[in-house]
Amino acid sequence: MNEGRLATAPGRLIRQHRLERQLTQAQLARQIGISQSDLSRIEKGEYRVPLDLLFRILQVLELTLGEFFGELNHSPLTPEEQKLLNSFRALSADGQREVLDFVDFLKEREGR
């Protein structure tokens, strides 16, 4: 993710989560103690979100920091990737090491 997009990500995420909860900008702004115009600028990425304000927003939206930023950290897994992950987690530590060794072997064989 490039720097400009990363800087505007919190505002986009605030907007997304606000809309999911069917809150208007005016409603959320009132609950967190700022003007609607300031919230609009935050959502557009024109203003950066101070950390204390972000925590107030998370409290109103009933989100943890991890839930809020979750989409930035993870790409959705395909069903095959999820199956592989679940199977890997079900293995013993020795089994997991064997899988990782085999994956390293396959990557080397394919030149990756």
N, C-alpha and C. Protein backbone atom coordinates (compact mmCIF):
# COMPACT_ATOMS: atom_id res chain seq x y z
N MET A 1 0.87 -1.17 0.00
CA MET A 1 0.00 0.00 0.00
C MET A 1 0.90 1.22 0.00
N ASN A 2 0.66 2.18 -0.91
CA ASN A 2 1.53 3.34 -0.98
C ASN A 2 1.24 4.31 0.17
N GLU A 3 2.17 5.25 0.38
CA GLU A 3 2.09 6.15 1.53
C GLU A 3 0.85 7.02 1.51
N GLY A 4 0.48 7.56 0.36
CA GLY A 4 -0.71 8.41 0.27
C GLY A 4 -1.98 7.66 0.60
N ARG A 5 -2.06 6.44 0.10
CA ARG A 5 -3.25 5.62 0.38
C ARG A 5 -3.30 5.21 1.84
N LEU A 6 -2.14 4.93 2.42
CA LEU A 6 -2.07 4.57 3.83
C LEU A 6 -2.50 5.74 4.71
N ALA A 7 -2.13 6.95 4.34
CA ALA A 7 -2.49 8.14 5.12
C ALA A 7 -3.99 8.39 5.11
N THR A 8 -4.67 8.04 4.02
CA THR A 8 -6.11 8.28 3.94
C THR A 8 -6.93 7.07 4.38
N ALA A 9 -6.28 5.95 4.65
CA ALA A 9 -7.00 4.72 5.01
C ALA A 9 -7.87 4.88 6.25
N PRO A 10 -7.39 5.50 7.34
CA PRO A 10 -8.27 5.62 8.51
C PRO A 10 -9.58 6.34 8.20
N GLY A 11 -9.52 7.39 7.42
CA GLY A 11 -10.74 8.12 7.07
C GLY A 11 -11.71 7.27 6.27
N ARG A 12 -11.18 6.52 5.30
CA ARG A 12 -12.03 5.63 4.51
C ARG A 12 -12.66 4.56 5.38
N LEU A 13 -11.88 4.03 6.32
CA LEU A 13 -12.39 2.99 7.20
C LEU A 13 -13.44 3.54 8.17
N ILE A 14 -13.23 4.76 8.65
CA ILE A 14 -14.24 5.39 9.52
C ILE A 14 -15.55 5.50 8.76
N ARG A 15 -15.47 5.98 7.53
CA ARG A 15 -16.69 6.13 6.72
C ARG A 15 -17.37 4.78 6.50
N GLN A 16 -16.58 3.78 6.15
CA GLN A 16 -17.13 2.44 5.88
C GLN A 16 -17.85 1.90 7.12
N HIS A 17 -17.18 1.96 8.27
CA HIS A 17 -17.78 1.42 9.50
C HIS A 17 -18.98 2.27 9.95
N ARG A 18 -18.91 3.57 9.74
CA ARG A 18 -20.03 4.45 10.10
C ARG A 18 -21.26 4.08 9.27
N LEU A 19 -21.07 3.90 7.97
CA LEU A 19 -22.19 3.55 7.09
C LEU A 19 -22.75 2.16 7.41
N GLU A 20 -21.87 1.23 7.77
CA GLU A 20 -22.35 -0.11 8.15
C GLU A 20 -23.28 -0.04 9.36
N ARG A 21 -23.07 0.96 10.21
CA ARG A 21 -23.90 1.12 11.40
C ARG A 21 -25.04 2.11 11.18
N GLN A 22 -25.18 2.52 9.93
CA GLN A 22 -26.25 3.43 9.52
C GLN A 22 -26.27 4.73 10.34
N LEU A 23 -25.06 5.27 10.54
CA LEU A 23 -24.92 6.56 11.22
C LEU A 23 -24.61 7.63 10.19
N THR A 24 -25.17 8.81 10.38
CA THR A 24 -24.81 9.93 9.52
C THR A 24 -23.52 10.55 10.06
N GLN A 25 -22.89 11.38 9.24
CA GLN A 25 -21.72 12.10 9.73
C GLN A 25 -22.09 12.96 10.92
N ALA A 26 -23.23 13.61 10.84
CA ALA A 26 -23.65 14.49 11.94
C ALA A 26 -23.83 13.71 13.23
N GLN A 27 -24.42 12.52 13.15
CA GLN A 27 -24.64 11.71 14.35
C GLN A 27 -23.31 11.28 14.98
N LEU A 28 -22.41 10.75 14.15
CA LEU A 28 -21.12 10.31 14.69
C LEU A 28 -20.33 11.49 15.22
N ALA A 29 -20.31 12.59 14.48
CA ALA A 29 -19.56 13.77 14.92
C ALA A 29 -20.05 14.24 16.29
N ARG A 30 -21.35 14.27 16.47
CA ARG A 30 -21.92 14.71 17.75
C ARG A 30 -21.48 13.77 18.88
N GLN A 31 -21.48 12.47 18.60
CA GLN A 31 -21.13 11.49 19.64
C GLN A 31 -19.65 11.53 20.03
N ILE A 32 -18.80 11.97 19.11
CA ILE A 32 -17.36 12.01 19.41
C ILE A 32 -16.88 13.42 19.72
N GLY A 33 -17.79 14.39 19.65
CA GLY A 33 -17.46 15.75 20.07
C GLY A 33 -16.69 16.60 19.08
N ILE A 34 -16.93 16.40 17.78
CA ILE A 34 -16.32 17.26 16.77
C ILE A 34 -17.41 17.74 15.82
N SER A 35 -17.05 18.68 14.95
CA SER A 35 -18.03 19.18 13.99
C SER A 35 -18.18 18.18 12.84
N GLN A 36 -19.34 18.23 12.20
CA GLN A 36 -19.59 17.36 11.05
C GLN A 36 -18.61 17.66 9.93
N SER A 37 -18.25 18.93 9.76
CA SER A 37 -17.31 19.29 8.69
C SER A 37 -15.92 18.71 8.96
N ASP A 38 -15.50 18.68 10.23
CA ASP A 38 -14.21 18.06 10.54
C ASP A 38 -14.24 16.56 10.27
N LEU A 39 -15.35 15.90 10.62
CA LEU A 39 -15.47 14.47 10.34
C LEU A 39 -15.44 14.22 8.83
N SER A 40 -16.11 15.07 8.07
CA SER A 40 -16.10 14.95 6.62
C SER A 40 -14.68 15.03 6.08
N ARG A 41 -13.91 15.98 6.59
CA ARG A 41 -12.52 16.13 6.14
C ARG A 41 -11.66 14.93 6.54
N ILE A 42 -11.92 14.38 7.72
CA ILE A 42 -11.20 13.18 8.15
C ILE A 42 -11.51 12.02 7.21
N GLU A 43 -12.80 11.83 6.92
CA GLU A 43 -13.20 10.72 6.04
C GLU A 43 -12.62 10.87 4.64
N LYS A 44 -12.44 12.10 4.18
CA LYS A 44 -11.87 12.34 2.84
C LYS A 44 -10.35 12.26 2.84
N GLY A 45 -9.75 12.15 4.02
CA GLY A 45 -8.29 12.10 4.12
C GLY A 45 -7.64 13.46 4.12
N GLU A 46 -8.43 14.52 4.26
CA GLU A 46 -7.87 15.88 4.29
C GLU A 46 -7.27 16.20 5.65
N TYR A 47 -7.81 15.59 6.70
CA TYR A 47 -7.28 15.74 8.06
C TYR A 47 -6.83 14.37 8.54
N ARG A 48 -5.74 14.35 9.26
CA ARG A 48 -5.31 13.10 9.90
C ARG A 48 -6.07 12.94 11.21
N VAL A 49 -6.28 11.70 11.60
CA VAL A 49 -7.06 11.40 12.79
C VAL A 49 -6.14 11.33 14.00
N PRO A 50 -6.30 12.23 14.97
CA PRO A 50 -5.51 12.11 16.19
C PRO A 50 -5.86 10.80 16.91
N LEU A 51 -4.90 10.21 17.57
CA LEU A 51 -5.10 8.91 18.21
C LEU A 51 -6.23 8.93 19.23
N ASP A 52 -6.30 10.00 20.04
CA ASP A 52 -7.37 10.06 21.05
C ASP A 52 -8.74 10.09 20.38
N LEU A 53 -8.85 10.77 19.27
CA LEU A 53 -10.12 10.83 18.54
C LEU A 53 -10.45 9.47 17.92
N LEU A 54 -9.45 8.79 17.40
CA LEU A 54 -9.67 7.47 16.83
C LEU A 54 -10.24 6.53 17.89
N PHE A 55 -9.70 6.59 19.10
CA PHE A 55 -10.21 5.72 20.16
C PHE A 55 -11.65 6.08 20.55
N ARG A 56 -12.00 7.35 20.50
CA ARG A 56 -13.40 7.74 20.76
C ARG A 56 -14.31 7.19 19.66
N ILE A 57 -13.85 7.27 18.42
CA ILE A 57 -14.62 6.74 17.29
C ILE A 57 -14.81 5.23 17.44
N LEU A 58 -13.74 4.53 17.78
CA LEU A 58 -13.82 3.08 17.96
C LEU A 58 -14.81 2.72 19.06
N GLN A 59 -14.82 3.51 20.12
CA GLN A 59 -15.75 3.25 21.22
C GLN A 59 -17.19 3.39 20.75
N VAL A 60 -17.49 4.46 20.02
CA VAL A 60 -18.85 4.68 19.52
C VAL A 60 -19.24 3.59 18.52
N LEU A 61 -18.32 3.21 17.65
CA LEU A 61 -18.60 2.20 16.64
C LEU A 61 -18.51 0.77 17.19
N GLU A 62 -18.11 0.67 18.45
CA GLU A 62 -17.98 -0.63 19.13
C GLU A 62 -17.05 -1.57 18.37
N LEU A 63 -15.85 -1.04 18.08
CA LEU A 63 -14.83 -1.80 17.36
C LEU A 63 -13.54 -1.81 18.15
N THR A 64 -12.79 -2.89 18.02
CA THR A 64 -11.42 -2.90 18.54
C THR A 64 -10.52 -2.32 17.45
N LEU A 65 -9.31 -1.99 17.83
CA LEU A 65 -8.35 -1.48 16.86
C LEU A 65 -8.09 -2.53 15.77
N GLY A 66 -7.99 -3.78 16.17
CA GLY A 66 -7.77 -4.87 15.21
C GLY A 66 -8.92 -5.02 14.24
N GLU A 67 -10.16 -4.92 14.75
CA GLU A 67 -11.32 -5.02 13.87
C GLU A 67 -11.36 -3.84 12.90
N PHE A 68 -11.02 -2.66 13.39
CA PHE A 68 -11.05 -1.46 12.56
C PHE A 68 -10.07 -1.57 11.40
N PHE A 69 -8.83 -1.95 11.69
CA PHE A 69 -7.80 -2.01 10.66
C PHE A 69 -7.69 -3.37 9.99
N GLY A 70 -8.53 -4.30 10.36
CA GLY A 70 -8.44 -5.66 9.85
C GLY A 70 -8.30 -5.77 8.35
N GLU A 71 -9.08 -4.99 7.62
CA GLU A 71 -9.04 -5.12 6.15
C GLU A 71 -7.73 -4.64 5.57
N LEU A 72 -7.00 -3.80 6.28
CA LEU A 72 -5.70 -3.35 5.77
C LEU A 72 -4.63 -4.42 5.94
N ASN A 73 -4.82 -5.25 6.98
CA ASN A 73 -3.79 -6.22 7.32
C ASN A 73 -3.92 -7.54 6.58
N HIS A 74 -5.09 -7.86 6.10
CA HIS A 74 -5.32 -9.19 5.56
C HIS A 74 -6.06 -9.14 4.23
N SER A 75 -5.60 -9.94 3.34
CA SER A 75 -6.36 -10.19 2.13
C SER A 75 -7.29 -11.34 2.45
N PRO A 76 -8.50 -11.33 1.92
CA PRO A 76 -9.38 -12.46 2.18
C PRO A 76 -8.76 -13.75 1.64
N LEU A 77 -8.90 -14.82 2.39
CA LEU A 77 -8.36 -16.10 1.95
C LEU A 77 -9.35 -16.79 1.03
N THR A 78 -8.82 -17.46 0.02
CA THR A 78 -9.68 -18.29 -0.83
C THR A 78 -10.08 -19.51 0.00
N PRO A 79 -11.11 -20.23 -0.41
CA PRO A 79 -11.49 -21.45 0.32
C PRO A 79 -10.33 -22.45 0.41
N GLU A 80 -9.54 -22.56 -0.65
CA GLU A 80 -8.40 -23.48 -0.64
C GLU A 80 -7.35 -23.03 0.37
N GLU A 81 -7.08 -21.72 0.43
CA GLU A 81 -6.11 -21.20 1.39
C GLU A 81 -6.60 -21.41 2.82
N GLN A 82 -7.88 -21.20 3.05
CA GLN A 82 -8.44 -21.40 4.39
C GLN A 82 -8.34 -22.86 4.80
N LYS A 83 -8.62 -23.78 3.86
CA LYS A 83 -8.52 -25.21 4.14
C LYS A 83 -7.08 -25.58 4.49
N LEU A 84 -6.14 -25.04 3.71
CA LEU A 84 -4.73 -25.30 3.97
C LEU A 84 -4.32 -24.79 5.35
N LEU A 85 -4.74 -23.59 5.69
CA LEU A 85 -4.41 -23.01 6.99
C LEU A 85 -5.01 -23.84 8.12
N ASN A 86 -6.27 -24.22 8.00
CA ASN A 86 -6.92 -25.03 9.04
C ASN A 86 -6.22 -26.38 9.20
N SER A 87 -5.86 -27.00 8.09
CA SER A 87 -5.16 -28.29 8.14
C SER A 87 -3.79 -28.13 8.79
N PHE A 88 -3.08 -27.07 8.43
CA PHE A 88 -1.76 -26.80 9.01
C PHE A 88 -1.86 -26.64 10.52
N ARG A 89 -2.84 -25.87 10.97
CA ARG A 89 -3.01 -25.63 12.41
C ARG A 89 -3.37 -26.90 13.17
N ALA A 90 -3.98 -27.87 12.50
CA ALA A 90 -4.37 -29.12 13.15
C ALA A 90 -3.19 -30.07 13.34
N LEU A 91 -2.08 -29.80 12.67
CA LEU A 91 -0.91 -30.67 12.75
C LEU A 91 -0.12 -30.43 14.04
N SER A 92 0.66 -31.43 14.41
CA SER A 92 1.60 -31.27 15.52
C SER A 92 2.71 -30.32 15.08
N ALA A 93 3.54 -29.92 16.03
CA ALA A 93 4.67 -29.04 15.71
C ALA A 93 5.60 -29.72 14.70
N ASP A 94 5.82 -31.02 14.89
CA ASP A 94 6.67 -31.75 13.93
C ASP A 94 6.05 -31.79 12.54
N GLY A 95 4.75 -32.03 12.49
CA GLY A 95 4.05 -32.05 11.21
C GLY A 95 4.12 -30.70 10.51
N GLN A 96 3.97 -29.61 11.28
CA GLN A 96 4.06 -28.27 10.70
C GLN A 96 5.45 -28.01 10.13
N ARG A 97 6.49 -28.46 10.85
CA ARG A 97 7.86 -28.29 10.34
C ARG A 97 8.05 -29.04 9.02
N GLU A 98 7.50 -30.25 8.95
CA GLU A 98 7.61 -31.03 7.71
C GLU A 98 6.91 -30.33 6.55
N VAL A 99 5.74 -29.77 6.82
CA VAL A 99 5.01 -29.04 5.77
C VAL A 99 5.84 -27.85 5.30
N LEU A 100 6.39 -27.08 6.24
CA LEU A 100 7.20 -25.92 5.86
C LEU A 100 8.43 -26.33 5.07
N ASP A 101 9.06 -27.42 5.47
CA ASP A 101 10.22 -27.92 4.71
C ASP A 101 9.81 -28.30 3.29
N PHE A 102 8.66 -28.96 3.16
CA PHE A 102 8.19 -29.37 1.84
C PHE A 102 7.86 -28.15 0.98
N VAL A 103 7.25 -27.14 1.58
CA VAL A 103 6.93 -25.91 0.85
C VAL A 103 8.22 -25.25 0.37
N ASP A 104 9.24 -25.19 1.24
CA ASP A 104 10.53 -24.64 0.82
C ASP A 104 11.11 -25.43 -0.35
N PHE A 105 11.00 -26.75 -0.30
CA PHE A 105 11.48 -27.61 -1.39
C PHE A 105 10.75 -27.27 -2.70
N LEU A 106 9.42 -27.17 -2.63
CA LEU A 106 8.64 -26.87 -3.84
C LEU A 106 8.99 -25.50 -4.40
N LYS A 107 9.14 -24.51 -3.52
CA LYS A 107 9.50 -23.17 -3.99
C LYS A 107 10.85 -23.18 -4.69
N GLU A 108 11.80 -23.89 -4.11
CA GLU A 108 13.13 -23.96 -4.71
C GLU A 108 13.07 -24.66 -6.06
N ARG A 109 12.32 -25.74 -6.13
CA ARG A 109 12.18 -26.49 -7.38
C ARG A 109 11.56 -25.63 -8.48
N GLU A 110 10.61 -24.75 -8.08
CA GLU A 110 9.94 -23.89 -9.06
C GLU A 110 10.68 -22.57 -9.27
N GLY A 111 11.80 -22.39 -8.57
CA GLY A 111 12.59 -21.18 -8.74
C GLY A 111 11.94 -19.94 -8.16
N ARG A 112 11.25 -20.08 -7.06
CA ARG A 112 10.58 -18.91 -6.44
C ARG A 112 11.19 -18.55 -5.12
